[in-house]
Amino acid sequence: MSDYEGPQSEYGAGYQAGHFVLDAIRATLHFAPAGIAASAPIGLWGYSGGGLASAWAAELQPTYAPEVKLAGVAEGGVPPDLAAVARNIDGGAFAGIYFAVAVGLSRAYPEMDINAILNDKGKQLVASIGTKCITDIAAIGAFHRMAEYSTVSDPLALPRIQQVIAANHLGQHRPAGPIFDFHAIFDELIPIAGDDALAAQYCAEGVTVQHYRDPASEHASLAVTGAPLAVAYLADRFAAKPAPSTCAS
């Protein structure tokens, strides 16, 4: 498993996550004691934040790491549009994740200059969550709104913030595929509309996509119930079975 957030915990930064995943694969393939052939088929599997990292690795692989032979990608709970997720969770039970991503992105993109728009309460929050894990950050930020910590009413409307979010929007690069994309229809954290649009775009670009919209799960539970589906999908790719596609439907 790769530490795709890097040494500065750049949580939510797509390019960095994709590059870290691919670099970790390269390092593994070149680690002689592991005895793995350079041409070995590689599978990616990630959910939520890991789904973001897997999706970005899949999009960047053709140009950044063309020597890596991706047999298949299982990406679940993927957040293609960070702004849509932020607006969805602001003030709710998962609002802390909004704060965590804001801090993580600002580490990868200093030009966001979030300190310039934080009030005293916001600066205290950033200091308190700076080294914590996501579960702790989620507890701290639950049911709070970003406006409580900022000197502007809507930080997402600032041009410099919008530029960073746009740069981290999935769908800018065509994955080589194939992809198993699974998402809960009633995902309360990451709205499925963004994932539907991403899957449709990949299909339009000729990517082989099996898009599974789970009717019974929510965000956290699909990480568990979707695991057997992801493993089975990758096992079939390693067995060189034809990849299924739901693009026609």
C-alpha atoms as a PDB file:
ATOM      1  CA  MET A   1       0.000   0.000   0.000  1.00  0.00           C
ATOM      2  CA  SER A   2       1.426   3.338  -1.005  1.00  0.00           C
ATOM      3  CA  ASP A   3       1.518   6.420   1.221  1.00  0.00           C
ATOM      4  CA  TYR A   4      -0.112   8.451  -1.512  1.00  0.00           C
ATOM      5  CA  GLU A   5      -0.496  11.626   0.561  1.00  0.00           C
ATOM      6  CA  GLY A   6       3.273  12.070   0.791  1.00  0.00           C
ATOM      7  CA  PRO A   7       5.366  13.311   3.722  1.00  0.00           C
ATOM      8  CA  GLN A   8       3.324  16.524   4.050  1.00  0.00           C
ATOM      9  CA  SER A   9      -0.072  14.754   4.084  1.00  0.00           C
ATOM     10  CA  GLU A  10      -1.353  16.481   0.946  1.00  0.00           C
ATOM     11  CA  TYR A  11      -4.838  15.052   1.441  1.00  0.00           C
ATOM     12  CA  GLY A  12      -7.082  15.548  -1.582  1.00  0.00           C
ATOM     13  CA  ALA A  13      -4.367  16.583  -4.043  1.00  0.00           C
ATOM     14  CA  GLY A  14      -5.020  14.477  -7.141  1.00  0.00           C
ATOM     15  CA  TYR A  15      -1.833  14.787  -9.155  1.00  0.00           C
ATOM     16  CA  GLN A  16       0.333  14.196  -6.124  1.00  0.00           C
ATOM     17  CA  ALA A  17      -1.703  11.136  -5.110  1.00  0.00           C
ATOM     18  CA  GLY A  18      -1.558   9.638  -8.605  1.00  0.00           C
ATOM     19  CA  HIS A  19       2.164  10.246  -8.912  1.00  0.00           C
ATOM     20  CA  PHE A  20       2.869   8.798  -5.466  1.00  0.00           C
ATOM     21  CA  VAL A  21       0.902   5.627  -6.287  1.00  0.00           C
ATOM     22  CA  LEU A  22       2.694   5.138  -9.591  1.00  0.00           C
ATOM     23  CA  ASP A  23       6.093   5.887  -8.048  1.00  0.00           C
ATOM     24  CA  ALA A  24       5.393   3.305  -5.332  1.00  0.00           C
ATOM     25  CA  ILE A  25       4.612   0.722  -8.019  1.00  0.00           C
ATOM     26  CA  ARG A  26       7.811   1.603  -9.852  1.00  0.00           C
ATOM     27  CA  ALA A  27       9.807   1.235  -6.635  1.00  0.00           C
ATOM     28  CA  THR A  28       8.238  -2.159  -5.955  1.00  0.00           C
ATOM     29  CA  LEU A  29       8.958  -3.412  -9.463  1.00  0.00           C
ATOM     30  CA  HIS A  30      12.590  -2.322  -9.133  1.00  0.00           C
ATOM     31  CA  PHE A  31      13.035  -3.856  -5.666  1.00  0.00           C
ATOM     32  CA  ALA A  32      15.058  -6.928  -6.609  1.00  0.00           C
ATOM     33  CA  PRO A  33      14.373  -8.996  -3.449  1.00  0.00           C
ATOM     34  CA  ALA A  34      10.644  -8.946  -4.263  1.00  0.00           C
ATOM     35  CA  GLY A  35      11.357 -10.886  -7.449  1.00  0.00           C
ATOM     36  CA  ILE A  36       8.622  -9.169  -9.471  1.00  0.00           C
ATOM     37  CA  ALA A  37       9.080  -8.942 -13.220  1.00  0.00           C
ATOM     38  CA  ALA A  38       9.031  -5.445 -14.696  1.00  0.00           C
ATOM     39  CA  SER A  39       6.269  -6.598 -17.049  1.00  0.00           C
ATOM     40  CA  ALA A  40       4.064  -7.959 -14.241  1.00  0.00           C
ATOM     41  CA  PRO A  41       0.389  -7.000 -14.510  1.00  0.00           C
ATOM     42  CA  ILE A  42      -0.613  -4.433 -11.891  1.00  0.00           C
ATOM     43  CA  GLY A  43      -4.018  -3.916 -10.276  1.00  0.00           C
ATOM     44  CA  LEU A  44      -5.159  -0.830  -8.377  1.00  0.00           C
ATOM     45  CA  TRP A  45      -7.835  -0.936  -5.689  1.00  0.00           C
ATOM     46  CA  GLY A  46      -8.895   2.008  -3.571  1.00  0.00           C
ATOM     47  CA  TYR A  47     -11.971   3.428  -1.903  1.00  0.00           C
ATOM     48  CA  SER A  48     -12.947   7.018  -1.037  1.00  0.00           C
ATOM     49  CA  GLY A  49      -9.583   8.783  -0.536  1.00  0.00           C
ATOM     50  CA  GLY A  50      -7.956   5.641  -1.889  1.00  0.00           C
ATOM     51  CA  GLY A  51     -10.418   5.705  -4.772  1.00  0.00           C
ATOM     52  CA  LEU A  52      -9.295   9.241  -5.550  1.00  0.00           C
ATOM     53  CA  ALA A  53      -5.650   8.112  -5.553  1.00  0.00           C
ATOM     54  CA  SER A  54      -6.419   5.066  -7.715  1.00  0.00           C
ATOM     55  CA  ALA A  55      -8.475   7.102 -10.186  1.00  0.00           C
ATOM     56  CA  TRP A  56      -5.739   9.715 -10.541  1.00  0.00           C
ATOM     57  CA  ALA A  57      -3.094   7.004 -10.950  1.00  0.00           C
ATOM     58  CA  ALA A  58      -5.210   5.435 -13.694  1.00  0.00           C
ATOM     59  CA  GLU A  59      -5.576   8.778 -15.497  1.00  0.00           C
ATOM     60  CA  LEU A  60      -1.897   9.698 -15.218  1.00  0.00           C
ATOM     61  CA  GLN A  61      -0.387   6.263 -15.939  1.00  0.00           C
ATOM     62  CA  PRO A  62      -0.423   6.457 -19.768  1.00  0.00           C
ATOM     63  CA  THR A  63       1.823   9.542 -19.804  1.00  0.00           C
ATOM     64  CA  TYR A  64       3.548   9.500 -16.400  1.00  0.00           C
ATOM     65  CA  ALA A  65       4.322   5.780 -16.092  1.00  0.00           C
ATOM     66  CA  PRO A  66       3.667   4.073 -19.441  1.00  0.00           C
ATOM     67  CA  GLU A  67       5.959   1.198 -18.470  1.00  0.00           C
ATOM     68  CA  VAL A  68       3.551   0.168 -15.695  1.00  0.00           C
ATOM     69  CA  LYS A  69       1.196  -2.480 -17.087  1.00  0.00           C
ATOM     70  CA  LEU A  70      -2.179  -1.830 -15.510  1.00  0.00           C
ATOM     71  CA  ALA A  71      -4.348  -4.919 -15.788  1.00  0.00           C
ATOM     72  CA  GLY A  72      -7.305  -3.213 -14.147  1.00  0.00           C
ATOM     73  CA  VAL A  73      -8.463  -0.597 -11.664  1.00  0.00           C
ATOM     74  CA  ALA A  74     -11.137  -0.981  -8.985  1.00  0.00           C
ATOM     75  CA  GLU A  75     -12.059   2.489  -7.751  1.00  0.00           C
ATOM     76  CA  GLY A  76     -14.894   3.039  -5.306  1.00  0.00           C
ATOM     77  CA  GLY A  77     -16.480   6.075  -3.685  1.00  0.00           C
ATOM     78  CA  VAL A  78     -14.477   8.338  -5.989  1.00  0.00           C
ATOM     79  CA  PRO A  79     -14.810  12.139  -5.546  1.00  0.00           C
ATOM     80  CA  PRO A  80     -14.354  13.597  -9.072  1.00  0.00           C
ATOM     81  CA  ASP A  81     -15.396  17.130  -8.068  1.00  0.00           C
ATOM     82  CA  LEU A  82     -13.989  18.342  -4.725  1.00  0.00           C
ATOM     83  CA  ALA A  83     -16.112  21.498  -4.721  1.00  0.00           C
ATOM     84  CA  ALA A  84     -19.318  19.478  -5.039  1.00  0.00           C
ATOM     85  CA  VAL A  85     -18.261  17.298  -2.131  1.00  0.00           C
ATOM     86  CA  ALA A  86     -17.334  20.335  -0.014  1.00  0.00           C
ATOM     87  CA  ARG A  87     -20.696  21.994  -0.567  1.00  0.00           C
ATOM     88  CA  ASN A  88     -22.486  18.726   0.154  1.00  0.00           C
ATOM     89  CA  ILE A  89     -20.819  18.099   3.520  1.00  0.00           C
ATOM     90  CA  ASP A  90     -20.409  21.686   4.778  1.00  0.00           C
ATOM     91  CA  GLY A  91     -22.219  21.904   8.112  1.00  0.00           C
ATOM     92  CA  GLY A  92     -22.967  18.189   8.261  1.00  0.00           C
ATOM     93  CA  ALA A  93     -21.559  15.175  10.044  1.00  0.00           C
ATOM     94  CA  PHE A  94     -18.638  14.932   7.603  1.00  0.00           C
ATOM     95  CA  ALA A  95     -17.746  18.635   7.534  1.00  0.00           C
ATOM     96  CA  GLY A  96     -14.354  17.891   9.074  1.00  0.00           C
ATOM     97  CA  ILE A  97     -13.311  16.234   5.828  1.00  0.00           C
ATOM     98  CA  TYR A  98     -13.891  19.574   4.072  1.00  0.00           C
ATOM     99  CA  PHE A  99     -11.430  21.184   6.495  1.00  0.00           C
ATOM    100  CA  ALA A 100      -8.934  18.345   6.084  1.00  0.00           C
ATOM    101  CA  VAL A 101      -8.957  18.634   2.293  1.00  0.00           C
ATOM    102  CA  ALA A 102      -8.580  22.411   2.500  1.00  0.00           C
ATOM    103  CA  VAL A 103      -5.442  21.967   4.590  1.00  0.00           C
ATOM    104  CA  GLY A 104      -4.101  19.118   2.457  1.00  0.00           C
ATOM    105  CA  LEU A 105      -4.596  21.004  -0.796  1.00  0.00           C
ATOM    106  CA  SER A 106      -3.000  24.137   0.636  1.00  0.00           C
ATOM    107  CA  ARG A 107       0.141  22.137   1.370  1.00  0.00           C
ATOM    108  CA  ALA A 108       0.315  20.994  -2.234  1.00  0.00           C
ATOM    109  CA  TYR A 109      -0.746  24.388  -3.601  1.00  0.00           C
ATOM    110  CA  PRO A 110       0.625  27.224  -1.413  1.00  0.00           C
ATOM    111  CA  GLU A 111      -0.908  29.714  -3.840  1.00  0.00           C
ATOM    112  CA  MET A 112      -4.271  28.965  -2.204  1.00  0.00           C
ATOM    113  CA  ASP A 113      -3.011  31.111   0.699  1.00  0.00           C
ATOM    114  CA  ILE A 114      -5.743  29.926   3.052  1.00  0.00           C
ATOM    115  CA  ASN A 115      -4.154  31.685   6.021  1.00  0.00           C
ATOM    116  CA  ALA A 116      -5.138  34.990   4.428  1.00  0.00           C
ATOM    117  CA  ILE A 117      -8.838  34.139   4.709  1.00  0.00           C
ATOM    118  CA  LEU A 118      -8.867  32.394   8.096  1.00  0.00           C
ATOM    119  CA  ASN A 119     -10.168  34.167  11.171  1.00  0.00           C
ATOM    120  CA  ASP A 120      -8.687  33.426  14.592  1.00  0.00           C
ATOM    121  CA  LYS A 121     -10.994  30.451  15.060  1.00  0.00           C
ATOM    122  CA  GLY A 122      -9.930  29.117  11.673  1.00  0.00           C
ATOM    123  CA  LYS A 123      -6.247  29.448  12.455  1.00  0.00           C
ATOM    124  CA  GLN A 124      -6.784  27.559  15.706  1.00  0.00           C
ATOM    125  CA  LEU A 125      -8.646  24.822  13.803  1.00  0.00           C
ATOM    126  CA  VAL A 126      -5.860  24.426  11.244  1.00  0.00           C
ATOM    127  CA  ALA A 127      -3.297  24.202  14.017  1.00  0.00           C
ATOM    128  CA  SER A 128      -5.358  21.596  15.867  1.00  0.00           C
ATOM    129  CA  ILE A 129      -5.976  19.329  12.870  1.00  0.00           C
ATOM    130  CA  GLY A 130      -2.571  19.760  11.268  1.00  0.00           C
ATOM    131  CA  THR A 131      -1.149  16.421  12.425  1.00  0.00           C
ATOM    132  CA  LYS A 132      -4.306  14.427  13.178  1.00  0.00           C
ATOM    133  CA  CYS A 133      -5.786  11.475  11.309  1.00  0.00           C
ATOM    134  CA  ILE A 134      -8.992  11.836   9.324  1.00  0.00           C
ATOM    135  CA  THR A 135     -11.234  10.172  11.927  1.00  0.00           C
ATOM    136  CA  ASP A 136     -10.142  12.705  14.556  1.00  0.00           C
ATOM    137  CA  ILE A 137     -10.519  15.610  12.135  1.00  0.00           C
ATOM    138  CA  ALA A 138     -14.015  14.446  11.196  1.00  0.00           C
ATOM    139  CA  ALA A 139     -15.017  14.467  14.867  1.00  0.00           C
ATOM    140  CA  ILE A 140     -13.628  17.955  15.434  1.00  0.00           C
ATOM    141  CA  GLY A 141     -15.347  19.496  12.425  1.00  0.00           C
ATOM    142  CA  ALA A 142     -18.695  17.709  12.571  1.00  0.00           C
ATOM    143  CA  PHE A 143     -21.720  19.996  12.093  1.00  0.00           C
ATOM    144  CA  HIS A 144     -19.640  23.128  11.609  1.00  0.00           C
ATOM    145  CA  ARG A 145     -19.550  25.333   8.509  1.00  0.00           C
ATOM    146  CA  MET A 146     -16.456  26.657   6.778  1.00  0.00           C
ATOM    147  CA  ALA A 147     -17.890  30.189   7.057  1.00  0.00           C
ATOM    148  CA  GLU A 148     -17.391  29.976  10.835  1.00  0.00           C
ATOM    149  CA  TYR A 149     -13.634  29.846  10.303  1.00  0.00           C
ATOM    150  CA  SER A 150     -13.206  32.236   7.397  1.00  0.00           C
ATOM    151  CA  THR A 151     -13.277  35.976   6.827  1.00  0.00           C
ATOM    152  CA  VAL A 152     -15.141  35.417   3.545  1.00  0.00           C
ATOM    153  CA  SER A 153     -18.597  33.882   3.263  1.00  0.00           C
ATOM    154  CA  ASP A 154     -17.732  31.408   0.507  1.00  0.00           C
ATOM    155  CA  PRO A 155     -14.043  30.467   0.119  1.00  0.00           C
ATOM    156  CA  LEU A 156     -14.938  28.176  -2.789  1.00  0.00           C
ATOM    157  CA  ALA A 157     -15.895  31.237  -4.838  1.00  0.00           C
ATOM    158  CA  LEU A 158     -12.406  32.764  -4.674  1.00  0.00           C
ATOM    159  CA  PRO A 159     -10.636  32.554  -8.069  1.00  0.00           C
ATOM    160  CA  ARG A 160      -7.396  31.190  -6.620  1.00  0.00           C
ATOM    161  CA  ILE A 161      -9.314  28.426  -4.818  1.00  0.00           C
ATOM    162  CA  GLN A 162     -11.358  27.646  -7.912  1.00  0.00           C
ATOM    163  CA  GLN A 163      -8.194  27.271  -9.988  1.00  0.00           C
ATOM    164  CA  VAL A 164      -6.784  24.646  -7.628  1.00  0.00           C
ATOM    165  CA  ILE A 165     -10.080  22.765  -7.479  1.00  0.00           C
ATOM    166  CA  ALA A 166     -10.326  22.799 -11.273  1.00  0.00           C
ATOM    167  CA  ALA A 167      -6.788  21.423 -11.543  1.00  0.00           C
ATOM    168  CA  ASN A 168      -7.816  18.569  -9.250  1.00  0.00           C
ATOM    169  CA  HIS A 169     -11.004  17.640 -11.103  1.00  0.00           C
ATOM    170  CA  LEU A 170     -10.913  14.078 -12.424  1.00  0.00           C
ATOM    171  CA  GLY A 171     -11.625  13.457 -16.090  1.00  0.00           C
ATOM    172  CA  GLN A 172      -8.848  15.566 -17.600  1.00  0.00           C
ATOM    173  CA  HIS A 173      -6.942  12.510 -18.839  1.00  0.00           C
ATOM    174  CA  ARG A 174      -8.120   9.299 -20.487  1.00  0.00           C
ATOM    175  CA  PRO A 175      -7.226   6.163 -18.517  1.00  0.00           C
ATOM    176  CA  ALA A 176      -5.964   3.170 -20.447  1.00  0.00           C
ATOM    177  CA  GLY A 177      -8.506   1.073 -18.517  1.00  0.00           C
ATOM    178  CA  PRO A 178     -10.214  -1.212 -17.793  1.00  0.00           C
ATOM    179  CA  ILE A 179     -12.041   0.178 -14.767  1.00  0.00           C
ATOM    180  CA  PHE A 180     -14.494  -1.126 -12.187  1.00  0.00           C
ATOM    181  CA  ASP A 181     -16.211   1.949 -10.735  1.00  0.00           C
ATOM    182  CA  PHE A 182     -18.484   1.328  -7.744  1.00  0.00           C
ATOM    183  CA  HIS A 183     -20.452   3.957  -5.845  1.00  0.00           C
ATOM    184  CA  ALA A 184     -23.388   3.992  -3.421  1.00  0.00           C
ATOM    185  CA  ILE A 185     -26.499   5.567  -4.920  1.00  0.00           C
ATOM    186  CA  PHE A 186     -27.293   7.106  -1.528  1.00  0.00           C
ATOM    187  CA  ASP A 187     -23.736   8.144  -0.704  1.00  0.00           C
ATOM    188  CA  GLU A 188     -24.213  10.897   1.862  1.00  0.00           C
ATOM    189  CA  LEU A 189     -20.619  12.114   1.593  1.00  0.00           C
ATOM    190  CA  ILE A 190     -19.779  12.049  -2.127  1.00  0.00           C
ATOM    191  CA  PRO A 191     -22.847  12.587  -4.351  1.00  0.00           C
ATOM    192  CA  ILE A 192     -23.130   9.897  -6.990  1.00  0.00           C
ATOM    193  CA  ALA A 193     -23.946  12.430  -9.733  1.00  0.00           C
ATOM    194  CA  GLY A 194     -20.270  13.328 -10.106  1.00  0.00           C
ATOM    195  CA  ASP A 195     -19.249   9.693 -10.354  1.00  0.00           C
ATOM    196  CA  ASP A 196     -22.005   8.996 -12.886  1.00  0.00           C
ATOM    197  CA  ALA A 197     -20.692  11.837 -15.031  1.00  0.00           C
ATOM    198  CA  LEU A 198     -17.107  10.598 -14.765  1.00  0.00           C
ATOM    199  CA  ALA A 199     -18.064   7.051 -15.754  1.00  0.00           C
ATOM    200  CA  ALA A 200     -20.090   8.372 -18.696  1.00  0.00           C
ATOM    201  CA  GLN A 201     -17.146  10.480 -19.828  1.00  0.00           C
ATOM    202  CA  TYR A 202     -14.766   7.526 -19.669  1.00  0.00           C
ATOM    203  CA  CYS A 203     -17.238   5.453 -21.696  1.00  0.00           C
ATOM    204  CA  ALA A 204     -17.509   8.208 -24.306  1.00  0.00           C
ATOM    205  CA  GLU A 205     -13.716   8.212 -24.554  1.00  0.00           C
ATOM    206  CA  GLY A 206     -13.657   4.482 -25.257  1.00  0.00           C
ATOM    207  CA  VAL A 207     -12.543   3.279 -21.827  1.00  0.00           C
ATOM    208  CA  THR A 208     -13.873  -0.130 -20.794  1.00  0.00           C
ATOM    209  CA  VAL A 209     -15.890   0.667 -17.661  1.00  0.00           C
ATOM    210  CA  GLN A 210     -18.025  -1.526 -15.444  1.00  0.00           C
ATOM    211  CA  HIS A 211     -20.045   1.002 -13.443  1.00  0.00           C
ATOM    212  CA  TYR A 212     -21.793  -0.423 -10.396  1.00  0.00           C
ATOM    213  CA  ARG A 213     -24.345   1.792  -8.617  1.00  0.00           C
ATOM    214  CA  ASP A 214     -25.061   0.132  -5.279  1.00  0.00           C
ATOM    215  CA  PRO A 215     -28.673   0.619  -4.105  1.00  0.00           C
ATOM    216  CA  ALA A 216     -28.288  -0.708  -0.562  1.00  0.00           C
ATOM    217  CA  SER A 217     -25.141   0.900   0.869  1.00  0.00           C
ATOM    218  CA  GLU A 218     -23.960   4.300   2.003  1.00  0.00           C
ATOM    219  CA  HIS A 219     -20.434   5.661   1.840  1.00  0.00           C
ATOM    220  CA  ALA A 220     -18.776   3.779   4.687  1.00  0.00           C
ATOM    221  CA  SER A 221     -20.553   0.443   4.279  1.00  0.00           C
ATOM    222  CA  LEU A 222     -19.759   0.148   0.564  1.00  0.00           C
ATOM    223  CA  ALA A 223     -16.062   0.138   1.432  1.00  0.00           C
ATOM    224  CA  VAL A 224     -16.768  -3.256   3.028  1.00  0.00           C
ATOM    225  CA  THR A 225     -19.521  -4.682   0.843  1.00  0.00           C
ATOM    226  CA  GLY A 226     -17.776  -3.556  -2.327  1.00  0.00           C
ATOM    227  CA  ALA A 227     -14.479  -5.210  -1.415  1.00  0.00           C
ATOM    228  CA  PRO A 228     -15.376  -8.717  -2.681  1.00  0.00           C
ATOM    229  CA  LEU A 229     -16.544  -7.205  -5.976  1.00  0.00           C
ATOM    230  CA  ALA A 230     -13.273  -5.294  -6.356  1.00  0.00           C
ATOM    231  CA  VAL A 231     -11.156  -8.348  -5.571  1.00  0.00           C
ATOM    232  CA  ALA A 232     -13.132 -10.537  -7.964  1.00  0.00           C
ATOM    233  CA  TYR A 233     -12.832  -7.931 -10.706  1.00  0.00           C
ATOM    234  CA  LEU A 234      -9.053  -7.717 -10.355  1.00  0.00           C
ATOM    235  CA  ALA A 235      -8.731 -11.517 -10.113  1.00  0.00           C
ATOM    236  CA  ASP A 236     -10.456 -11.808 -13.486  1.00  0.00           C
ATOM    237  CA  ARG A 237      -8.140  -9.219 -15.000  1.00  0.00           C
ATOM    238  CA  PHE A 238      -5.087 -11.122 -13.711  1.00  0.00           C
ATOM    239  CA  ALA A 239      -6.612 -14.254 -15.249  1.00  0.00           C
ATOM    240  CA  ALA A 240      -6.764 -12.389 -18.589  1.00  0.00           C
ATOM    241  CA  LYS A 241     -10.546 -12.660 -18.819  1.00  0.00           C
ATOM    242  CA  PRO A 242     -12.274 -10.036 -21.011  1.00  0.00           C
ATOM    243  CA  ALA A 243     -13.213  -6.973 -18.993  1.00  0.00           C
ATOM    244  CA  PRO A 244     -16.974  -6.416 -18.667  1.00  0.00           C
ATOM    245  CA  SER A 245     -18.513  -3.124 -19.695  1.00  0.00           C
ATOM    246  CA  THR A 246     -21.724  -1.341 -18.779  1.00  0.00           C
ATOM    247  CA  CYS A 247     -21.062   1.506 -21.221  1.00  0.00           C
ATOM    248  CA  ALA A 248     -23.783   0.365 -23.624  1.00  0.00           C
ATOM    249  CA  SER A 249     -26.379   0.782 -20.877  1.00  0.00           C
END
